[in-house]
Amino acid sequence: MRMLEVGPGRSPSMLMTKLGVDYVSVDKFPTRRDQLGLTVCGDLLDISIDMIGNFDLVYGSNVLGNNPNPTSRLNIVKKAVEFLNDSGRLLMVEYLSPNRAGLCVIADEV
Protein backbone atom coordinates (compact mmCIF):
# COMPACT_ATOMS: atom_id res chain seq x y z
CA MET A 1 0.00 0.00 0.00
CA ARG A 2 1.26 3.50 -0.85
CA MET A 3 0.48 6.13 1.78
CA LEU A 4 0.90 9.89 1.65
CA GLU A 5 0.76 11.76 4.94
CA VAL A 6 0.15 15.50 4.80
CA GLY A 7 1.83 17.55 7.52
CA PRO A 8 2.99 14.86 9.95
CA GLY A 9 5.10 17.33 11.96
CA ARG A 10 6.58 15.75 15.10
CA SER A 11 4.21 12.78 15.12
CA PRO A 12 4.00 10.81 11.88
CA SER A 13 1.30 8.19 11.65
CA MET A 14 2.04 4.78 13.12
CA LEU A 15 0.81 3.34 9.81
CA MET A 16 4.22 4.19 8.37
CA THR A 17 5.76 1.36 10.40
CA LYS A 18 3.43 -1.33 9.07
CA LEU A 19 4.92 -3.96 6.81
CA GLY A 20 4.24 -3.33 3.16
CA VAL A 21 3.51 0.40 3.50
CA ASP A 22 5.37 2.64 1.07
CA TYR A 23 5.29 5.85 3.14
CA VAL A 24 5.74 9.38 1.81
CA SER A 25 5.17 12.56 3.80
CA VAL A 26 4.84 16.19 2.74
CA ASP A 27 5.40 18.91 5.32
CA LYS A 28 6.29 22.60 5.08
CA PHE A 29 8.44 22.33 8.19
CA PRO A 30 9.36 18.68 8.79
CA THR A 31 10.72 18.16 12.28
CA ARG A 32 11.60 14.49 11.96
CA ARG A 33 14.28 13.32 9.60
CA ASP A 34 14.66 9.83 11.06
CA GLN A 35 11.33 8.49 9.89
CA LEU A 36 10.93 5.73 7.37
CA GLY A 37 10.12 6.53 3.79
CA LEU A 38 10.46 9.72 1.81
CA THR A 39 9.92 13.17 3.36
CA VAL A 40 9.25 16.00 0.94
CA CYS A 41 9.85 19.44 2.41
CA GLY A 42 7.28 21.79 0.92
CA ASP A 43 3.69 22.85 0.60
CA LEU A 44 1.29 20.16 -0.66
CA LEU A 45 -0.18 22.72 -3.07
CA ASP A 46 3.22 23.03 -4.77
CA ILE A 47 3.89 19.29 -5.12
CA SER A 48 2.95 17.44 -8.31
CA ILE A 49 1.99 13.84 -8.94
CA ASP A 50 5.02 13.63 -11.24
CA MET A 51 7.22 14.22 -8.18
CA ILE A 52 5.78 11.58 -5.82
CA GLY A 53 3.20 9.51 -7.69
CA ASN A 54 -0.28 8.50 -6.57
CA PHE A 55 -1.45 6.72 -3.43
CA ASP A 56 -3.86 4.22 -1.95
CA LEU A 57 -4.28 6.40 1.13
CA VAL A 58 -3.81 10.13 1.70
CA TYR A 59 -3.92 10.93 5.41
CA GLY A 60 -3.77 14.13 7.41
CA SER A 61 -4.28 14.73 11.11
CA ASN A 62 -5.04 18.24 12.40
CA VAL A 63 -3.70 19.81 9.22
CA LEU A 64 -6.67 21.88 8.09
CA GLY A 65 -7.24 23.59 11.43
CA ASN A 66 -3.81 25.23 11.13
CA ASN A 67 -5.17 27.24 8.21
CA PRO A 68 -7.80 29.84 9.14
CA ASN A 69 -8.92 30.45 5.56
CA PRO A 70 -11.84 28.19 4.47
CA THR A 71 -10.90 28.50 0.78
CA SER A 72 -7.34 27.43 1.51
CA ARG A 73 -8.59 24.42 3.51
CA LEU A 74 -10.79 23.41 0.58
CA ASN A 75 -7.83 23.75 -1.81
CA ILE A 76 -5.72 21.49 0.42
CA VAL A 77 -8.41 18.79 0.37
CA LYS A 78 -8.89 19.07 -3.39
CA LYS A 79 -5.13 18.80 -3.92
CA ALA A 80 -4.93 15.77 -1.62
CA VAL A 81 -7.66 14.06 -3.69
CA GLU A 82 -5.54 14.55 -6.82
CA PHE A 83 -2.91 12.20 -5.35
CA LEU A 84 -5.34 9.29 -4.92
CA ASN A 85 -5.26 6.36 -7.30
CA ASP A 86 -8.57 5.11 -8.73
CA SER A 87 -9.53 3.13 -5.61
CA GLY A 88 -7.71 5.40 -3.13
CA ARG A 89 -9.10 6.81 0.11
CA LEU A 90 -8.74 10.23 1.73
CA LEU A 91 -8.75 10.40 5.53
CA MET A 92 -8.55 13.81 7.22
CA VAL A 93 -8.88 13.80 11.01
CA GLU A 94 -9.39 17.11 12.83
CA TYR A 95 -9.86 16.28 16.50
CA LEU A 96 -7.87 19.29 17.80
CA SER A 97 -9.39 21.88 15.48
CA PRO A 98 -12.32 24.08 16.47
CA ASN A 99 -15.45 23.08 14.53
CA ARG A 100 -13.47 20.22 12.95
CA ALA A 101 -11.88 22.77 10.58
CA GLY A 102 -15.11 23.05 8.63
CA LEU A 103 -14.88 19.49 7.29
CA CYS A 104 -18.65 19.19 6.82
CA VAL A 105 -18.63 22.21 4.53
CA ILE A 106 -15.56 20.94 2.69
CA ALA A 107 -17.12 17.50 2.18
CA ASP A 108 -20.11 19.12 0.48
CA GLU A 109 -17.84 20.95 -1.97
CA VAL A 110 -15.37 18.20 -2.94
C-alpha atoms as a PDB file:
ATOM      1  CA  MET A   1       0.000   0.000   0.000  1.00  0.00           C
ATOM      2  CA  ARG A   2       1.258   3.495  -0.845  1.00  0.00           C
ATOM      3  CA  MET A   3       0.481   6.128   1.785  1.00  0.00           C
ATOM      4  CA  LEU A   4       0.900   9.889   1.646  1.00  0.00           C
ATOM      5  CA  GLU A   5       0.757  11.760   4.938  1.00  0.00           C
ATOM      6  CA  VAL A   6       0.152  15.495   4.797  1.00  0.00           C
ATOM      7  CA  GLY A   7       1.830  17.553   7.521  1.00  0.00           C
ATOM      8  CA  PRO A   8       2.992  14.860   9.952  1.00  0.00           C
ATOM      9  CA  GLY A   9       5.100  17.328  11.958  1.00  0.00           C
ATOM     10  CA  ARG A  10       6.579  15.746  15.101  1.00  0.00           C
ATOM     11  CA  SER A  11       4.210  12.775  15.116  1.00  0.00           C
ATOM     12  CA  PRO A  12       4.004  10.807  11.885  1.00  0.00           C
ATOM     13  CA  SER A  13       1.295   8.187  11.646  1.00  0.00           C
ATOM     14  CA  MET A  14       2.041   4.783  13.115  1.00  0.00           C
ATOM     15  CA  LEU A  15       0.814   3.338   9.808  1.00  0.00           C
ATOM     16  CA  MET A  16       4.221   4.194   8.372  1.00  0.00           C
ATOM     17  CA  THR A  17       5.763   1.364  10.403  1.00  0.00           C
ATOM     18  CA  LYS A  18       3.433  -1.332   9.067  1.00  0.00           C
ATOM     19  CA  LEU A  19       4.925  -3.963   6.814  1.00  0.00           C
ATOM     20  CA  GLY A  20       4.244  -3.334   3.158  1.00  0.00           C
ATOM     21  CA  VAL A  21       3.506   0.397   3.496  1.00  0.00           C
ATOM     22  CA  ASP A  22       5.374   2.641   1.069  1.00  0.00           C
ATOM     23  CA  TYR A  23       5.289   5.848   3.137  1.00  0.00           C
ATOM     24  CA  VAL A  24       5.743   9.380   1.806  1.00  0.00           C
ATOM     25  CA  SER A  25       5.170  12.557   3.797  1.00  0.00           C
ATOM     26  CA  VAL A  26       4.843  16.190   2.743  1.00  0.00           C
ATOM     27  CA  ASP A  27       5.405  18.911   5.316  1.00  0.00           C
ATOM     28  CA  LYS A  28       6.292  22.599   5.080  1.00  0.00           C
ATOM     29  CA  PHE A  29       8.439  22.327   8.188  1.00  0.00           C
ATOM     30  CA  PRO A  30       9.360  18.679   8.788  1.00  0.00           C
ATOM     31  CA  THR A  31      10.716  18.159  12.280  1.00  0.00           C
ATOM     32  CA  ARG A  32      11.601  14.487  11.964  1.00  0.00           C
ATOM     33  CA  ARG A  33      14.276  13.319   9.596  1.00  0.00           C
ATOM     34  CA  ASP A  34      14.657   9.830  11.055  1.00  0.00           C
ATOM     35  CA  GLN A  35      11.334   8.491   9.887  1.00  0.00           C
ATOM     36  CA  LEU A  36      10.928   5.726   7.374  1.00  0.00           C
ATOM     37  CA  GLY A  37      10.121   6.527   3.787  1.00  0.00           C
ATOM     38  CA  LEU A  38      10.463   9.719   1.807  1.00  0.00           C
ATOM     39  CA  THR A  39       9.925  13.167   3.356  1.00  0.00           C
ATOM     40  CA  VAL A  40       9.253  16.000   0.936  1.00  0.00           C
ATOM     41  CA  CYS A  41       9.849  19.443   2.407  1.00  0.00           C
ATOM     42  CA  GLY A  42       7.284  21.790   0.917  1.00  0.00           C
ATOM     43  CA  ASP A  43       3.686  22.850   0.601  1.00  0.00           C
ATOM     44  CA  LEU A  44       1.289  20.164  -0.658  1.00  0.00           C
ATOM     45  CA  LEU A  45      -0.184  22.719  -3.071  1.00  0.00           C
ATOM     46  CA  ASP A  46       3.215  23.033  -4.771  1.00  0.00           C
ATOM     47  CA  ILE A  47       3.887  19.293  -5.118  1.00  0.00           C
ATOM     48  CA  SER A  48       2.953  17.440  -8.314  1.00  0.00           C
ATOM     49  CA  ILE A  49       1.986  13.838  -8.943  1.00  0.00           C
ATOM     50  CA  ASP A  50       5.019  13.626 -11.240  1.00  0.00           C
ATOM     51  CA  MET A  51       7.215  14.215  -8.176  1.00  0.00           C
ATOM     52  CA  ILE A  52       5.780  11.576  -5.823  1.00  0.00           C
ATOM     53  CA  GLY A  53       3.196   9.506  -7.691  1.00  0.00           C
ATOM     54  CA  ASN A  54      -0.277   8.495  -6.565  1.00  0.00           C
ATOM     55  CA  PHE A  55      -1.445   6.719  -3.428  1.00  0.00           C
ATOM     56  CA  ASP A  56      -3.865   4.222  -1.951  1.00  0.00           C
ATOM     57  CA  LEU A  57      -4.283   6.404   1.133  1.00  0.00           C
ATOM     58  CA  VAL A  58      -3.805  10.126   1.699  1.00  0.00           C
ATOM     59  CA  TYR A  59      -3.919  10.931   5.408  1.00  0.00           C
ATOM     60  CA  GLY A  60      -3.770  14.132   7.413  1.00  0.00           C
ATOM     61  CA  SER A  61      -4.281  14.732  11.111  1.00  0.00           C
ATOM     62  CA  ASN A  62      -5.043  18.241  12.399  1.00  0.00           C
ATOM     63  CA  VAL A  63      -3.700  19.808   9.220  1.00  0.00           C
ATOM     64  CA  LEU A  64      -6.665  21.878   8.088  1.00  0.00           C
ATOM     65  CA  GLY A  65      -7.240  23.593  11.426  1.00  0.00           C
ATOM     66  CA  ASN A  66      -3.814  25.227  11.126  1.00  0.00           C
ATOM     67  CA  ASN A  67      -5.165  27.239   8.211  1.00  0.00           C
ATOM     68  CA  PRO A  68      -7.803  29.837   9.143  1.00  0.00           C
ATOM     69  CA  ASN A  69      -8.924  30.445   5.564  1.00  0.00           C
ATOM     70  CA  PRO A  70     -11.844  28.190   4.468  1.00  0.00           C
ATOM     71  CA  THR A  71     -10.904  28.502   0.781  1.00  0.00           C
ATOM     72  CA  SER A  72      -7.341  27.429   1.513  1.00  0.00           C
ATOM     73  CA  ARG A  73      -8.585  24.421   3.507  1.00  0.00           C
ATOM     74  CA  LEU A  74     -10.790  23.407   0.584  1.00  0.00           C
ATOM     75  CA  ASN A  75      -7.828  23.754  -1.810  1.00  0.00           C
ATOM     76  CA  ILE A  76      -5.718  21.490   0.419  1.00  0.00           C
ATOM     77  CA  VAL A  77      -8.407  18.791   0.369  1.00  0.00           C
ATOM     78  CA  LYS A  78      -8.885  19.070  -3.393  1.00  0.00           C
ATOM     79  CA  LYS A  79      -5.127  18.800  -3.925  1.00  0.00           C
ATOM     80  CA  ALA A  80      -4.935  15.769  -1.617  1.00  0.00           C
ATOM     81  CA  VAL A  81      -7.656  14.058  -3.687  1.00  0.00           C
ATOM     82  CA  GLU A  82      -5.544  14.546  -6.823  1.00  0.00           C
ATOM     83  CA  PHE A  83      -2.909  12.198  -5.350  1.00  0.00           C
ATOM     84  CA  LEU A  84      -5.337   9.291  -4.924  1.00  0.00           C
ATOM     85  CA  ASN A  85      -5.261   6.361  -7.298  1.00  0.00           C
ATOM     86  CA  ASP A  86      -8.572   5.109  -8.730  1.00  0.00           C
ATOM     87  CA  SER A  87      -9.526   3.132  -5.615  1.00  0.00           C
ATOM     88  CA  GLY A  88      -7.710   5.396  -3.129  1.00  0.00           C
ATOM     89  CA  ARG A  89      -9.095   6.811   0.113  1.00  0.00           C
ATOM     90  CA  LEU A  90      -8.744  10.226   1.726  1.00  0.00           C
ATOM     91  CA  LEU A  91      -8.749  10.402   5.531  1.00  0.00           C
ATOM     92  CA  MET A  92      -8.554  13.809   7.221  1.00  0.00           C
ATOM     93  CA  VAL A  93      -8.880  13.799  11.012  1.00  0.00           C
ATOM     94  CA  GLU A  94      -9.395  17.106  12.831  1.00  0.00           C
ATOM     95  CA  TYR A  95      -9.860  16.285  16.502  1.00  0.00           C
ATOM     96  CA  LEU A  96      -7.868  19.287  17.798  1.00  0.00           C
ATOM     97  CA  SER A  97      -9.394  21.877  15.476  1.00  0.00           C
ATOM     98  CA  PRO A  98     -12.318  24.076  16.466  1.00  0.00           C
ATOM     99  CA  ASN A  99     -15.446  23.076  14.530  1.00  0.00           C
ATOM    100  CA  ARG A 100     -13.472  20.219  12.950  1.00  0.00           C
ATOM    101  CA  ALA A 101     -11.879  22.772  10.584  1.00  0.00           C
ATOM    102  CA  GLY A 102     -15.114  23.045   8.630  1.00  0.00           C
ATOM    103  CA  LEU A 103     -14.878  19.490   7.293  1.00  0.00           C
ATOM    104  CA  CYS A 104     -18.648  19.191   6.818  1.00  0.00           C
ATOM    105  CA  VAL A 105     -18.627  22.214   4.533  1.00  0.00           C
ATOM    106  CA  ILE A 106     -15.556  20.941   2.689  1.00  0.00           C
ATOM    107  CA  ALA A 107     -17.120  17.495   2.181  1.00  0.00           C
ATOM    108  CA  ASP A 108     -20.108  19.123   0.481  1.00  0.00           C
ATOM    109  CA  GLU A 109     -17.839  20.955  -1.973  1.00  0.00           C
ATOM    110  CA  VAL A 110     -15.365  18.201  -2.936  1.00  0.00           C
END
